[in-house]
Amino acid sequence: MLLDQLRINNKYSYDDFEASLKERTVSEPKKKTIKDTVAYSNKTYDFSAINGEVYWEERVLEYIFEIIADTPEELEEKKRKFLAWIMFIQNEALYDPYIVGYHFNATYDSIKVDDSEIEKSTITVTFTAYPYMIANTETLYTIAVDIGEERTVTLINNSVHKIIPKITATAPAVIKKGDSSYSVSAGTFQDESFEFEAGDNVLIITNSGTEKSTLTVTFNTEVM
């Protein structure tokens, strides 16, 4: 039977540290709210999504583990190894056994150790995490554009918000999205000004160079 356990840094909470996962609490992130009032008015203005995007606070993840040993000395040794692993997690992919296909980007926040029993420790670990769950597998599109060709393609972002894709080109090309154009050289391109909206994204790709250009577009879907 497979045990429920966390995976972080290619290590498993039970397989590597014999820490049994007993309870878990995955909170939903709170919306970042920006409001303002006007003097001599009963109105309140909400600027939280003024640029069309809603923003969120970090998630809080709490996991309760149990470590059991035959002697107090063995328990202390097991506990030291587990704490030396879990307390140094910083911006790492955290794979929760109950969440299939996605992971969190998490950082260790705090810990509580209950040693009230001689040969058993109950350890409560809290992480803060990026508000969105991140797909384990990248979405990948490959687009070949011949010399002198202009291609129109629709790429789908299944995220619930805007993401910044990574584009790798074998030769220069120009990508037009909406009213903006981006010149891509051979190599990798990623720019915060080049975003994919949630849903369909129409790109017009032009190759006016001297060799065929193949563009690879990748990103990880992000969901609630």
N, C-alpha and C. Protein backbone atom coordinates (compact mmCIF):
# COMPACT_ATOMS: atom_id res chain seq x y z
N MET A 1 0.84 -1.19 0.00
CA MET A 1 0.00 0.00 0.00
C MET A 1 0.88 1.25 0.00
N LEU A 2 0.56 2.23 -0.86
CA LEU A 2 1.31 3.46 -0.91
C LEU A 2 0.94 4.35 0.26
N LEU A 3 1.95 4.95 0.86
CA LEU A 3 1.73 5.84 1.99
C LEU A 3 1.55 7.27 1.51
N ASP A 4 0.71 8.02 2.21
CA ASP A 4 0.57 9.45 1.94
C ASP A 4 1.81 10.16 2.47
N GLN A 5 2.48 10.90 1.60
CA GLN A 5 3.69 11.60 2.03
C GLN A 5 3.97 12.77 1.10
N LEU A 6 4.69 13.74 1.64
CA LEU A 6 5.10 14.89 0.83
C LEU A 6 6.37 14.55 0.07
N ARG A 7 6.52 15.17 -1.12
CA ARG A 7 7.78 15.09 -1.86
C ARG A 7 8.29 16.50 -2.06
N ILE A 8 9.49 16.76 -1.60
CA ILE A 8 10.15 18.06 -1.78
C ILE A 8 11.63 17.78 -2.00
N ASN A 9 12.22 18.46 -2.98
CA ASN A 9 13.66 18.28 -3.24
C ASN A 9 14.01 16.82 -3.52
N ASN A 10 13.12 16.11 -4.18
CA ASN A 10 13.34 14.69 -4.52
C ASN A 10 13.51 13.81 -3.28
N LYS A 11 12.99 14.27 -2.16
CA LYS A 11 12.96 13.46 -0.95
C LYS A 11 11.51 13.32 -0.50
N TYR A 12 11.23 12.19 0.17
CA TYR A 12 9.88 11.88 0.62
C TYR A 12 9.83 11.86 2.14
N SER A 13 8.73 12.41 2.68
CA SER A 13 8.65 12.56 4.14
C SER A 13 8.69 11.22 4.88
N TYR A 14 8.12 10.17 4.29
CA TYR A 14 8.17 8.87 4.98
C TYR A 14 9.32 8.00 4.48
N ASP A 15 9.46 7.86 3.17
CA ASP A 15 10.50 6.98 2.64
C ASP A 15 11.89 7.36 3.12
N ASP A 16 12.14 8.67 3.25
CA ASP A 16 13.47 9.13 3.64
C ASP A 16 13.61 9.46 5.12
N PHE A 17 12.48 9.77 5.80
CA PHE A 17 12.58 10.24 7.19
C PHE A 17 11.63 9.54 8.16
N GLU A 18 10.84 8.60 7.65
CA GLU A 18 9.90 7.83 8.47
C GLU A 18 8.95 8.75 9.25
N ALA A 19 8.55 9.85 8.60
CA ALA A 19 7.57 10.77 9.19
C ALA A 19 6.23 10.51 8.52
N SER A 20 5.29 9.95 9.27
CA SER A 20 3.97 9.62 8.72
C SER A 20 3.11 10.88 8.64
N LEU A 21 2.51 11.11 7.48
CA LEU A 21 1.62 12.25 7.31
C LEU A 21 0.25 11.89 7.86
N LYS A 22 -0.19 12.62 8.89
CA LYS A 22 -1.44 12.30 9.59
C LYS A 22 -2.58 13.25 9.22
N GLU A 23 -2.28 14.53 9.08
CA GLU A 23 -3.31 15.51 8.76
C GLU A 23 -2.72 16.57 7.84
N ARG A 24 -3.62 17.22 7.09
CA ARG A 24 -3.18 18.29 6.20
C ARG A 24 -4.29 19.34 6.11
N THR A 25 -3.87 20.60 6.01
CA THR A 25 -4.81 21.69 5.79
C THR A 25 -4.23 22.59 4.71
N VAL A 26 -4.91 22.67 3.58
CA VAL A 26 -4.50 23.52 2.46
C VAL A 26 -5.50 24.67 2.37
N SER A 27 -5.09 25.85 2.75
CA SER A 27 -6.01 26.99 2.75
C SER A 27 -6.10 27.60 1.36
N GLU A 28 -7.23 28.24 1.09
CA GLU A 28 -7.36 29.02 -0.13
C GLU A 28 -6.74 30.40 0.11
N PRO A 29 -6.10 30.97 -0.91
CA PRO A 29 -5.48 32.28 -0.72
C PRO A 29 -6.52 33.38 -0.56
N LYS A 30 -6.17 34.41 0.19
CA LYS A 30 -7.05 35.55 0.36
C LYS A 30 -6.77 36.58 -0.73
N LYS A 31 -7.83 37.20 -1.21
CA LYS A 31 -7.70 38.24 -2.23
C LYS A 31 -7.01 39.47 -1.65
N LYS A 32 -6.09 40.06 -2.41
CA LYS A 32 -5.50 41.33 -2.04
C LYS A 32 -6.49 42.43 -2.38
N THR A 33 -6.88 43.18 -1.38
CA THR A 33 -7.90 44.19 -1.57
C THR A 33 -7.31 45.59 -1.40
N ILE A 34 -7.54 46.43 -2.41
CA ILE A 34 -7.07 47.83 -2.35
C ILE A 34 -8.30 48.71 -2.51
N LYS A 35 -8.70 49.34 -1.42
CA LYS A 35 -9.89 50.20 -1.45
C LYS A 35 -9.54 51.59 -0.96
N ASP A 36 -10.36 52.54 -1.41
CA ASP A 36 -10.16 53.92 -0.96
C ASP A 36 -11.52 54.59 -0.83
N THR A 37 -11.59 55.56 0.06
CA THR A 37 -12.82 56.32 0.25
C THR A 37 -12.58 57.77 -0.14
N VAL A 38 -13.67 58.47 -0.37
CA VAL A 38 -13.60 59.88 -0.75
C VAL A 38 -14.25 60.71 0.36
N ALA A 39 -13.56 61.78 0.73
CA ALA A 39 -14.11 62.65 1.78
C ALA A 39 -15.48 63.18 1.37
N TYR A 40 -16.36 63.28 2.35
CA TYR A 40 -17.72 63.79 2.16
C TYR A 40 -18.50 62.95 1.14
N SER A 41 -18.27 61.64 1.16
CA SER A 41 -18.98 60.72 0.26
C SER A 41 -19.17 59.40 0.97
N ASN A 42 -20.27 58.72 0.66
CA ASN A 42 -20.51 57.40 1.23
C ASN A 42 -19.94 56.28 0.37
N LYS A 43 -19.31 56.63 -0.73
CA LYS A 43 -18.81 55.63 -1.66
C LYS A 43 -17.44 55.09 -1.25
N THR A 44 -17.25 53.82 -1.56
CA THR A 44 -15.93 53.19 -1.42
C THR A 44 -15.52 52.67 -2.79
N TYR A 45 -14.30 52.96 -3.20
CA TYR A 45 -13.82 52.54 -4.51
C TYR A 45 -12.84 51.38 -4.34
N ASP A 46 -13.08 50.32 -5.12
CA ASP A 46 -12.25 49.12 -5.06
C ASP A 46 -11.33 49.11 -6.28
N PHE A 47 -10.02 49.23 -6.03
CA PHE A 47 -9.03 49.23 -7.10
C PHE A 47 -8.28 47.89 -7.19
N SER A 48 -8.84 46.86 -6.60
CA SER A 48 -8.14 45.56 -6.51
C SER A 48 -7.83 44.95 -7.86
N ALA A 49 -8.70 45.21 -8.86
CA ALA A 49 -8.49 44.63 -10.20
C ALA A 49 -8.48 45.72 -11.25
N ILE A 50 -7.81 46.83 -10.94
CA ILE A 50 -7.85 48.00 -11.82
C ILE A 50 -7.21 47.72 -13.18
N ASN A 51 -6.25 46.78 -13.23
CA ASN A 51 -5.62 46.44 -14.51
C ASN A 51 -6.16 45.14 -15.10
N GLY A 52 -7.32 44.72 -14.60
CA GLY A 52 -7.96 43.52 -15.15
C GLY A 52 -7.50 42.22 -14.52
N GLU A 53 -6.61 42.27 -13.56
CA GLU A 53 -6.09 41.06 -12.92
C GLU A 53 -6.39 41.12 -11.43
N VAL A 54 -6.85 40.00 -10.87
CA VAL A 54 -7.06 39.89 -9.42
C VAL A 54 -5.80 39.31 -8.81
N TYR A 55 -5.37 39.85 -7.67
CA TYR A 55 -4.14 39.39 -7.03
C TYR A 55 -4.47 38.76 -5.67
N TRP A 56 -3.59 37.87 -5.25
CA TRP A 56 -3.87 37.04 -4.08
C TRP A 56 -2.70 37.03 -3.11
N GLU A 57 -3.03 36.86 -1.83
CA GLU A 57 -2.00 36.64 -0.82
C GLU A 57 -1.45 35.22 -0.95
N GLU A 58 -0.38 34.95 -0.22
CA GLU A 58 0.17 33.59 -0.24
C GLU A 58 -0.82 32.60 0.41
N ARG A 59 -0.73 31.35 -0.01
CA ARG A 59 -1.47 30.29 0.67
C ARG A 59 -0.73 29.88 1.94
N VAL A 60 -1.47 29.28 2.86
CA VAL A 60 -0.87 28.66 4.04
C VAL A 60 -1.14 27.16 3.96
N LEU A 61 -0.08 26.38 4.06
CA LEU A 61 -0.17 24.92 4.03
C LEU A 61 0.28 24.38 5.38
N GLU A 62 -0.51 23.51 5.97
CA GLU A 62 -0.14 22.94 7.27
C GLU A 62 -0.21 21.42 7.18
N TYR A 63 0.87 20.77 7.62
CA TYR A 63 0.95 19.31 7.60
C TYR A 63 1.37 18.81 8.98
N ILE A 64 0.70 17.78 9.45
CA ILE A 64 1.02 17.19 10.75
C ILE A 64 1.60 15.80 10.52
N PHE A 65 2.82 15.60 11.05
CA PHE A 65 3.54 14.34 10.90
C PHE A 65 3.70 13.66 12.26
N GLU A 66 3.91 12.37 12.18
CA GLU A 66 4.16 11.57 13.39
C GLU A 66 5.40 10.72 13.15
N ILE A 67 6.35 10.82 14.08
CA ILE A 67 7.58 10.00 14.02
C ILE A 67 7.60 9.10 15.24
N ILE A 68 7.77 7.80 15.00
CA ILE A 68 7.78 6.80 16.08
C ILE A 68 9.11 6.07 16.07
N ALA A 69 9.63 5.74 17.25
CA ALA A 69 10.89 5.00 17.36
C ALA A 69 10.81 4.03 18.53
N ASP A 70 11.78 3.15 18.61
CA ASP A 70 11.81 2.14 19.67
C ASP A 70 12.41 2.68 20.96
N THR A 71 13.28 3.69 20.84
CA THR A 71 13.91 4.28 22.02
C THR A 71 13.90 5.79 21.89
N PRO A 72 14.01 6.52 23.00
CA PRO A 72 14.08 7.98 22.94
C PRO A 72 15.27 8.47 22.12
N GLU A 73 16.39 7.75 22.21
CA GLU A 73 17.58 8.15 21.45
C GLU A 73 17.35 8.03 19.94
N GLU A 74 16.70 6.94 19.55
CA GLU A 74 16.40 6.75 18.13
C GLU A 74 15.42 7.81 17.64
N LEU A 75 14.46 8.16 18.50
CA LEU A 75 13.48 9.18 18.14
C LEU A 75 14.17 10.52 17.90
N GLU A 76 15.09 10.90 18.78
CA GLU A 76 15.79 12.16 18.63
C GLU A 76 16.59 12.20 17.33
N GLU A 77 17.21 11.07 16.98
CA GLU A 77 17.99 11.01 15.74
C GLU A 77 17.09 11.16 14.52
N LYS A 78 15.96 10.46 14.51
CA LYS A 78 15.02 10.57 13.39
C LYS A 78 14.47 12.00 13.27
N LYS A 79 14.16 12.57 14.41
CA LYS A 79 13.59 13.91 14.42
C LYS A 79 14.59 14.94 13.91
N ARG A 80 15.84 14.82 14.32
CA ARG A 80 16.87 15.76 13.86
C ARG A 80 17.01 15.73 12.34
N LYS A 81 17.01 14.53 11.78
CA LYS A 81 17.16 14.40 10.32
C LYS A 81 15.96 15.00 9.60
N PHE A 82 14.76 14.75 10.14
CA PHE A 82 13.56 15.30 9.50
C PHE A 82 13.55 16.82 9.55
N LEU A 83 13.87 17.39 10.71
CA LEU A 83 13.86 18.84 10.86
C LEU A 83 14.94 19.51 10.00
N ALA A 84 16.09 18.85 9.87
CA ALA A 84 17.16 19.40 9.05
C ALA A 84 16.76 19.47 7.58
N TRP A 85 15.81 18.63 7.20
CA TRP A 85 15.29 18.67 5.83
C TRP A 85 14.17 19.71 5.68
N ILE A 86 13.17 19.58 6.52
CA ILE A 86 11.93 20.35 6.32
C ILE A 86 12.11 21.84 6.62
N MET A 87 13.01 22.17 7.56
CA MET A 87 13.14 23.57 7.99
C MET A 87 13.96 24.42 7.03
N PHE A 88 14.56 23.79 6.02
CA PHE A 88 15.37 24.54 5.06
C PHE A 88 14.74 24.58 3.67
N ILE A 89 13.44 24.31 3.61
CA ILE A 89 12.72 24.39 2.34
C ILE A 89 12.50 25.86 2.00
N GLN A 90 13.01 26.29 0.87
CA GLN A 90 12.91 27.68 0.46
C GLN A 90 12.56 27.75 -1.03
N ASN A 91 11.33 28.18 -1.34
CA ASN A 91 10.89 28.29 -2.74
C ASN A 91 11.11 27.00 -3.51
N GLU A 92 10.59 25.92 -2.98
CA GLU A 92 10.75 24.61 -3.60
C GLU A 92 9.39 24.06 -4.03
N ALA A 93 9.42 23.17 -5.02
CA ALA A 93 8.20 22.49 -5.44
C ALA A 93 7.78 21.49 -4.37
N LEU A 94 6.56 21.66 -3.87
CA LEU A 94 6.02 20.77 -2.84
C LEU A 94 4.88 19.97 -3.47
N TYR A 95 5.03 18.65 -3.47
CA TYR A 95 4.04 17.76 -4.07
C TYR A 95 3.19 17.14 -2.97
N ASP A 96 1.91 17.52 -2.96
CA ASP A 96 0.94 17.03 -1.97
C ASP A 96 0.31 15.75 -2.53
N PRO A 97 0.24 14.66 -1.76
CA PRO A 97 -0.26 13.39 -2.30
C PRO A 97 -1.73 13.43 -2.71
N TYR A 98 -2.47 14.42 -2.22
CA TYR A 98 -3.90 14.50 -2.53
C TYR A 98 -4.20 15.41 -3.73
N ILE A 99 -3.17 16.03 -4.27
CA ILE A 99 -3.36 16.94 -5.40
C ILE A 99 -2.65 16.34 -6.61
N VAL A 100 -3.41 15.90 -7.59
CA VAL A 100 -2.87 15.18 -8.74
C VAL A 100 -2.59 16.16 -9.88
N GLY A 101 -1.38 16.08 -10.43
CA GLY A 101 -1.03 16.86 -11.61
C GLY A 101 -0.51 18.25 -11.34
N TYR A 102 -0.53 18.69 -10.08
CA TYR A 102 -0.09 20.04 -9.73
C TYR A 102 0.77 20.01 -8.47
N HIS A 103 1.52 21.08 -8.26
CA HIS A 103 2.32 21.22 -7.05
C HIS A 103 2.29 22.67 -6.58
N PHE A 104 2.79 22.90 -5.38
CA PHE A 104 2.91 24.24 -4.82
C PHE A 104 4.36 24.69 -4.88
N ASN A 105 4.57 25.99 -4.96
CA ASN A 105 5.90 26.56 -4.74
C ASN A 105 5.91 27.08 -3.31
N ALA A 106 6.60 26.37 -2.41
CA ALA A 106 6.42 26.59 -0.97
C ALA A 106 7.74 26.92 -0.27
N THR A 107 7.58 27.62 0.86
CA THR A 107 8.70 27.98 1.73
C THR A 107 8.32 27.65 3.17
N TYR A 108 9.24 27.03 3.89
CA TYR A 108 9.02 26.72 5.30
C TYR A 108 8.75 28.00 6.09
N ASP A 109 7.76 27.93 6.99
CA ASP A 109 7.41 29.10 7.79
C ASP A 109 7.60 28.86 9.28
N SER A 110 7.01 27.78 9.81
CA SER A 110 7.11 27.56 11.25
C SER A 110 6.89 26.08 11.57
N ILE A 111 7.21 25.74 12.80
CA ILE A 111 7.09 24.33 13.22
C ILE A 111 6.70 24.26 14.69
N LYS A 112 5.96 23.22 15.02
CA LYS A 112 5.59 22.96 16.41
C LYS A 112 5.81 21.48 16.68
N VAL A 113 6.57 21.18 17.73
CA VAL A 113 6.91 19.79 18.05
C VAL A 113 6.28 19.40 19.38
N ASP A 114 5.53 18.33 19.38
CA ASP A 114 4.91 17.79 20.59
C ASP A 114 5.64 16.51 20.97
N ASP A 115 6.40 16.59 22.06
CA ASP A 115 7.16 15.44 22.56
C ASP A 115 6.57 14.90 23.86
N SER A 116 5.27 14.97 24.00
CA SER A 116 4.64 14.54 25.25
C SER A 116 4.69 13.03 25.44
N GLU A 117 4.92 12.29 24.37
CA GLU A 117 5.08 10.83 24.48
C GLU A 117 6.55 10.48 24.28
N ILE A 118 7.02 9.52 25.06
CA ILE A 118 8.46 9.24 25.12
C ILE A 118 9.02 8.77 23.78
N GLU A 119 8.30 7.93 23.07
CA GLU A 119 8.84 7.35 21.84
C GLU A 119 8.05 7.76 20.60
N LYS A 120 7.39 8.91 20.69
CA LYS A 120 6.64 9.44 19.54
C LYS A 120 6.65 10.96 19.56
N SER A 121 6.92 11.55 18.40
CA SER A 121 6.86 13.01 18.25
C SER A 121 5.79 13.34 17.22
N THR A 122 4.99 14.34 17.55
CA THR A 122 4.01 14.87 16.60
C THR A 122 4.49 16.25 16.17
N ILE A 123 4.70 16.42 14.87
CA ILE A 123 5.33 17.63 14.35
C ILE A 123 4.38 18.32 13.38
N THR A 124 4.04 19.55 13.69
CA THR A 124 3.17 20.35 12.82
C THR A 124 4.04 21.35 12.07
N VAL A 125 4.00 21.27 10.75
CA VAL A 125 4.83 22.13 9.91
C VAL A 125 3.93 23.04 9.08
N THR A 126 4.26 24.32 9.06
CA THR A 126 3.51 25.30 8.27
C THR A 126 4.40 25.87 7.18
N PHE A 127 3.84 25.93 5.97
CA PHE A 127 4.52 26.54 4.83
C PHE A 127 3.69 27.72 4.34
N THR A 128 4.36 28.70 3.73
CA THR A 128 3.66 29.68 2.92
C THR A 128 3.96 29.34 1.46
N ALA A 129 2.98 29.56 0.58
CA ALA A 129 3.14 29.13 -0.80
C ALA A 129 2.57 30.15 -1.77
N TYR A 130 3.12 30.16 -2.96
CA TYR A 130 2.57 30.92 -4.09
C TYR A 130 1.09 30.58 -4.21
N PRO A 131 0.21 31.56 -4.44
CA PRO A 131 -1.22 31.29 -4.35
C PRO A 131 -1.77 30.28 -5.36
N TYR A 132 -1.14 30.19 -6.54
CA TYR A 132 -1.64 29.28 -7.56
C TYR A 132 -0.96 27.92 -7.48
N MET A 133 -1.71 26.87 -7.81
CA MET A 133 -1.11 25.55 -7.99
C MET A 133 -0.54 25.48 -9.41
N ILE A 134 0.63 24.88 -9.54
CA ILE A 134 1.38 24.90 -10.79
C ILE A 134 1.37 23.49 -11.39
N ALA A 135 1.06 23.40 -12.68
CA ALA A 135 1.02 22.10 -13.35
C ALA A 135 2.40 21.45 -13.34
N ASN A 136 2.42 20.15 -13.09
CA ASN A 136 3.68 19.42 -13.08
C ASN A 136 4.29 19.30 -14.48
N THR A 137 3.43 19.25 -15.50
CA THR A 137 3.87 19.09 -16.88
C THR A 137 3.69 20.39 -17.65
N GLU A 138 4.72 20.78 -18.36
CA GLU A 138 4.64 21.99 -19.17
C GLU A 138 3.67 21.83 -20.34
N THR A 139 2.98 22.92 -20.67
CA THR A 139 2.27 23.01 -21.94
C THR A 139 3.29 23.42 -22.99
N LEU A 140 3.29 22.72 -24.13
CA LEU A 140 4.31 22.95 -25.16
C LEU A 140 3.66 23.11 -26.53
N TYR A 141 4.05 24.16 -27.23
CA TYR A 141 3.65 24.37 -28.62
C TYR A 141 4.91 24.51 -29.46
N THR A 142 4.93 23.87 -30.64
CA THR A 142 6.03 24.01 -31.59
C THR A 142 5.48 24.56 -32.90
N ILE A 143 6.06 25.68 -33.35
CA ILE A 143 5.57 26.37 -34.55
C ILE A 143 6.74 26.57 -35.51
N ALA A 144 6.63 26.03 -36.71
CA ALA A 144 7.65 26.21 -37.74
C ALA A 144 7.19 27.27 -38.73
N VAL A 145 8.07 28.24 -39.01
CA VAL A 145 7.74 29.34 -39.92
C VAL A 145 8.83 29.40 -41.00
N ASP A 146 8.45 29.17 -42.25
CA ASP A 146 9.41 29.20 -43.35
C ASP A 146 9.84 30.62 -43.67
N ILE A 147 10.89 30.74 -44.47
CA ILE A 147 11.40 32.04 -44.90
C ILE A 147 10.30 32.78 -45.68
N GLY A 148 10.04 34.01 -45.29
CA GLY A 148 9.03 34.82 -45.95
C GLY A 148 7.60 34.49 -45.57
N GLU A 149 7.41 33.57 -44.65
CA GLU A 149 6.05 33.15 -44.28
C GLU A 149 5.51 33.98 -43.12
N GLU A 150 4.20 34.17 -43.14
CA GLU A 150 3.48 34.78 -42.01
C GLU A 150 2.44 33.77 -41.56
N ARG A 151 2.51 33.37 -40.30
CA ARG A 151 1.59 32.37 -39.78
C ARG A 151 0.77 32.94 -38.63
N THR A 152 -0.51 32.61 -38.63
CA THR A 152 -1.40 32.98 -37.53
C THR A 152 -1.74 31.72 -36.75
N VAL A 153 -1.46 31.75 -35.45
CA VAL A 153 -1.72 30.58 -34.60
C VAL A 153 -2.47 31.02 -33.36
N THR A 154 -3.25 30.11 -32.81
CA THR A 154 -3.96 30.36 -31.55
C THR A 154 -3.43 29.40 -30.50
N LEU A 155 -2.86 29.95 -29.44
CA LEU A 155 -2.31 29.16 -28.35
C LEU A 155 -3.22 29.34 -27.14
N ILE A 156 -3.49 28.24 -26.46
CA ILE A 156 -4.45 28.26 -25.35
C ILE A 156 -3.73 28.22 -24.01
N ASN A 157 -4.04 29.18 -23.18
CA ASN A 157 -3.55 29.20 -21.80
C ASN A 157 -4.68 28.76 -20.88
N ASN A 158 -4.60 27.55 -20.35
CA ASN A 158 -5.64 27.01 -19.48
C ASN A 158 -5.53 27.48 -18.03
N SER A 159 -4.63 28.42 -17.78
CA SER A 159 -4.52 29.00 -16.44
C SER A 159 -5.73 29.87 -16.15
N VAL A 160 -5.89 30.21 -14.87
CA VAL A 160 -7.00 31.10 -14.49
C VAL A 160 -6.56 32.56 -14.48
N HIS A 161 -5.34 32.82 -14.91
CA HIS A 161 -4.84 34.20 -14.95
C HIS A 161 -3.76 34.30 -16.03
N LYS A 162 -3.23 35.50 -16.20
CA LYS A 162 -2.18 35.71 -17.19
C LYS A 162 -0.90 35.00 -16.77
N ILE A 163 -0.16 34.49 -17.76
CA ILE A 163 1.15 33.90 -17.49
C ILE A 163 2.16 34.45 -18.50
N ILE A 164 3.43 34.30 -18.18
CA ILE A 164 4.50 34.74 -19.08
C ILE A 164 5.14 33.50 -19.69
N PRO A 165 4.96 33.26 -20.99
CA PRO A 165 5.53 32.06 -21.60
C PRO A 165 7.03 32.21 -21.86
N LYS A 166 7.67 31.09 -22.10
CA LYS A 166 9.08 31.10 -22.53
C LYS A 166 9.10 30.66 -23.99
N ILE A 167 9.81 31.42 -24.82
CA ILE A 167 9.88 31.12 -26.25
C ILE A 167 11.33 30.88 -26.63
N THR A 168 11.56 29.77 -27.31
CA THR A 168 12.89 29.45 -27.83
C THR A 168 12.79 29.38 -29.35
N ALA A 169 13.64 30.15 -30.04
CA ALA A 169 13.61 30.21 -31.50
C ALA A 169 14.93 29.74 -32.07
N THR A 170 14.86 29.04 -33.21
CA THR A 170 16.08 28.58 -33.88
C THR A 170 16.65 29.65 -34.81
N ALA A 171 15.82 30.65 -35.16
CA ALA A 171 16.25 31.75 -36.01
C ALA A 171 15.33 32.94 -35.71
N PRO A 172 15.74 34.16 -36.06
CA PRO A 172 14.94 35.34 -35.74
C PRO A 172 13.54 35.30 -36.36
N ALA A 173 12.59 35.90 -35.63
CA ALA A 173 11.22 36.03 -36.11
C ALA A 173 10.58 37.20 -35.39
N VAL A 174 9.42 37.64 -35.90
CA VAL A 174 8.67 38.71 -35.26
C VAL A 174 7.31 38.14 -34.86
N ILE A 175 6.93 38.36 -33.61
CA ILE A 175 5.65 37.89 -33.09
C ILE A 175 4.78 39.10 -32.81
N LYS A 176 3.58 39.11 -33.40
CA LYS A 176 2.63 40.16 -33.12
C LYS A 176 1.48 39.59 -32.29
N LYS A 177 1.19 40.26 -31.19
CA LYS A 177 0.08 39.87 -30.33
C LYS A 177 -0.72 41.13 -30.01
N GLY A 178 -1.93 41.18 -30.52
CA GLY A 178 -2.72 42.39 -30.35
C GLY A 178 -2.06 43.55 -31.08
N ASP A 179 -1.84 44.65 -30.37
CA ASP A 179 -1.22 45.83 -30.97
C ASP A 179 0.30 45.87 -30.77
N SER A 180 0.85 44.84 -30.16
CA SER A 180 2.28 44.85 -29.83
C SER A 180 3.04 43.84 -30.68
N SER A 181 4.27 44.20 -31.04
CA SER A 181 5.14 43.31 -31.80
C SER A 181 6.42 43.06 -31.01
N TYR A 182 6.93 41.85 -31.10
CA TYR A 182 8.13 41.45 -30.36
C TYR A 182 9.10 40.78 -31.33
N SER A 183 10.33 41.29 -31.37
CA SER A 183 11.36 40.68 -32.20
C SER A 183 12.08 39.61 -31.39
N VAL A 184 12.10 38.41 -31.92
CA VAL A 184 12.71 37.30 -31.22
C VAL A 184 13.97 36.88 -31.96
N SER A 185 15.10 36.90 -31.28
CA SER A 185 16.35 36.43 -31.87
C SER A 185 16.47 34.93 -31.67
N ALA A 186 17.45 34.34 -32.32
CA ALA A 186 17.73 32.93 -32.07
C ALA A 186 18.14 32.78 -30.61
N GLY A 187 17.49 31.86 -29.92
CA GLY A 187 17.75 31.68 -28.49
C GLY A 187 16.45 31.70 -27.72
N THR A 188 16.52 32.07 -26.45
CA THR A 188 15.36 32.04 -25.57
C THR A 188 14.89 33.45 -25.24
N PHE A 189 13.58 33.63 -25.30
CA PHE A 189 12.96 34.94 -25.06
C PHE A 189 11.91 34.78 -23.97
N GLN A 190 11.98 35.63 -22.96
CA GLN A 190 10.95 35.68 -21.92
C GLN A 190 10.93 37.09 -21.36
N ASP A 191 9.79 37.74 -21.47
CA ASP A 191 9.69 39.14 -21.09
C ASP A 191 8.37 39.36 -20.37
N GLU A 192 8.40 40.11 -19.26
CA GLU A 192 7.19 40.34 -18.48
C GLU A 192 6.13 41.11 -19.25
N SER A 193 6.54 41.82 -20.29
CA SER A 193 5.56 42.56 -21.09
C SER A 193 4.84 41.67 -22.11
N PHE A 194 5.36 40.45 -22.31
CA PHE A 194 4.75 39.51 -23.25
C PHE A 194 4.00 38.45 -22.45
N GLU A 195 2.69 38.65 -22.34
CA GLU A 195 1.86 37.79 -21.51
C GLU A 195 0.83 37.05 -22.35
N PHE A 196 0.45 35.87 -21.86
CA PHE A 196 -0.69 35.15 -22.41
C PHE A 196 -1.89 35.37 -21.49
N GLU A 197 -2.98 35.81 -22.07
CA GLU A 197 -4.22 35.91 -21.31
C GLU A 197 -4.74 34.51 -21.01
N ALA A 198 -5.60 34.40 -20.00
CA ALA A 198 -6.30 33.14 -19.77
C ALA A 198 -7.19 32.87 -20.98
N GLY A 199 -7.10 31.66 -21.54
CA GLY A 199 -7.89 31.32 -22.73
C GLY A 199 -7.08 31.42 -24.00
N ASP A 200 -7.73 31.85 -25.09
CA ASP A 200 -7.09 31.90 -26.41
C ASP A 200 -6.18 33.10 -26.55
N ASN A 201 -5.03 32.86 -27.21
CA ASN A 201 -4.09 33.92 -27.52
C ASN A 201 -3.69 33.80 -28.99
N VAL A 202 -4.05 34.81 -29.78
CA VAL A 202 -3.79 34.79 -31.21
C VAL A 202 -2.45 35.48 -31.48
N LEU A 203 -1.54 34.76 -32.15
CA LEU A 203 -0.23 35.30 -32.50
C LEU A 203 -0.07 35.30 -34.01
N ILE A 204 0.53 36.36 -34.53
CA ILE A 204 0.92 36.41 -35.95
C ILE A 204 2.44 36.39 -35.98
N ILE A 205 3.01 35.33 -36.56
CA ILE A 205 4.46 35.14 -36.55
C ILE A 205 4.99 35.32 -37.97
N THR A 206 5.97 36.21 -38.11
CA THR A 206 6.54 36.52 -39.43
C THR A 206 8.02 36.19 -39.43
N ASN A 207 8.45 35.52 -40.52
CA ASN A 207 9.86 35.21 -40.69
C ASN A 207 10.36 35.92 -41.94
N SER A 208 11.08 37.02 -41.73
CA SER A 208 11.64 37.76 -42.86
C SER A 208 13.15 37.56 -42.94
N GLY A 209 13.63 36.53 -42.27
CA GLY A 209 15.06 36.25 -42.25
C GLY A 209 15.50 35.40 -43.42
N THR A 210 16.64 34.74 -43.23
CA THR A 210 17.25 33.97 -44.32
C THR A 210 17.23 32.47 -44.05
N GLU A 211 16.59 32.07 -42.97
CA GLU A 211 16.49 30.64 -42.68
C GLU A 211 15.19 30.35 -41.94
N LYS A 212 14.74 29.12 -42.04
CA LYS A 212 13.52 28.70 -41.38
C LYS A 212 13.65 28.85 -39.87
N SER A 213 12.58 29.31 -39.23
CA SER A 213 12.60 29.48 -37.78
C SER A 213 11.57 28.55 -37.15
N THR A 214 12.01 27.82 -36.16
CA THR A 214 11.10 26.97 -35.38
C THR A 214 11.03 27.52 -33.97
N LEU A 215 9.81 27.85 -33.56
CA LEU A 215 9.60 28.42 -32.23
C LEU A 215 8.97 27.39 -31.32
N THR A 216 9.53 27.26 -30.13
CA THR A 216 8.96 26.41 -29.09
C THR A 216 8.45 27.30 -27.97
N VAL A 217 7.17 27.18 -27.66
CA VAL A 217 6.54 28.00 -26.63
C VAL A 217 6.15 27.08 -25.47
N THR A 218 6.61 27.40 -24.27
CA THR A 218 6.32 26.58 -23.10
C THR A 218 5.86 27.43 -21.93
N PHE A 219 5.00 26.85 -21.11
CA PHE A 219 4.59 27.48 -19.85
C PHE A 219 3.91 26.42 -19.00
N ASN A 220 3.82 26.69 -17.72
CA ASN A 220 3.10 25.80 -16.80
C ASN A 220 1.76 26.42 -16.47
N THR A 221 0.70 25.64 -16.67
CA THR A 221 -0.64 26.10 -16.31
C THR A 221 -0.71 26.34 -14.80
N GLU A 222 -1.40 27.42 -14.41
CA GLU A 222 -1.57 27.75 -12.99
C GLU A 222 -3.05 27.87 -12.68
N VAL A 223 -3.49 27.15 -11.66
CA VAL A 223 -4.92 27.11 -11.31
C VAL A 223 -5.09 27.33 -9.81
N MET A 224 -6.33 27.54 -9.42
CA MET A 224 -6.66 27.63 -7.99
C MET A 224 -6.87 26.25 -7.43
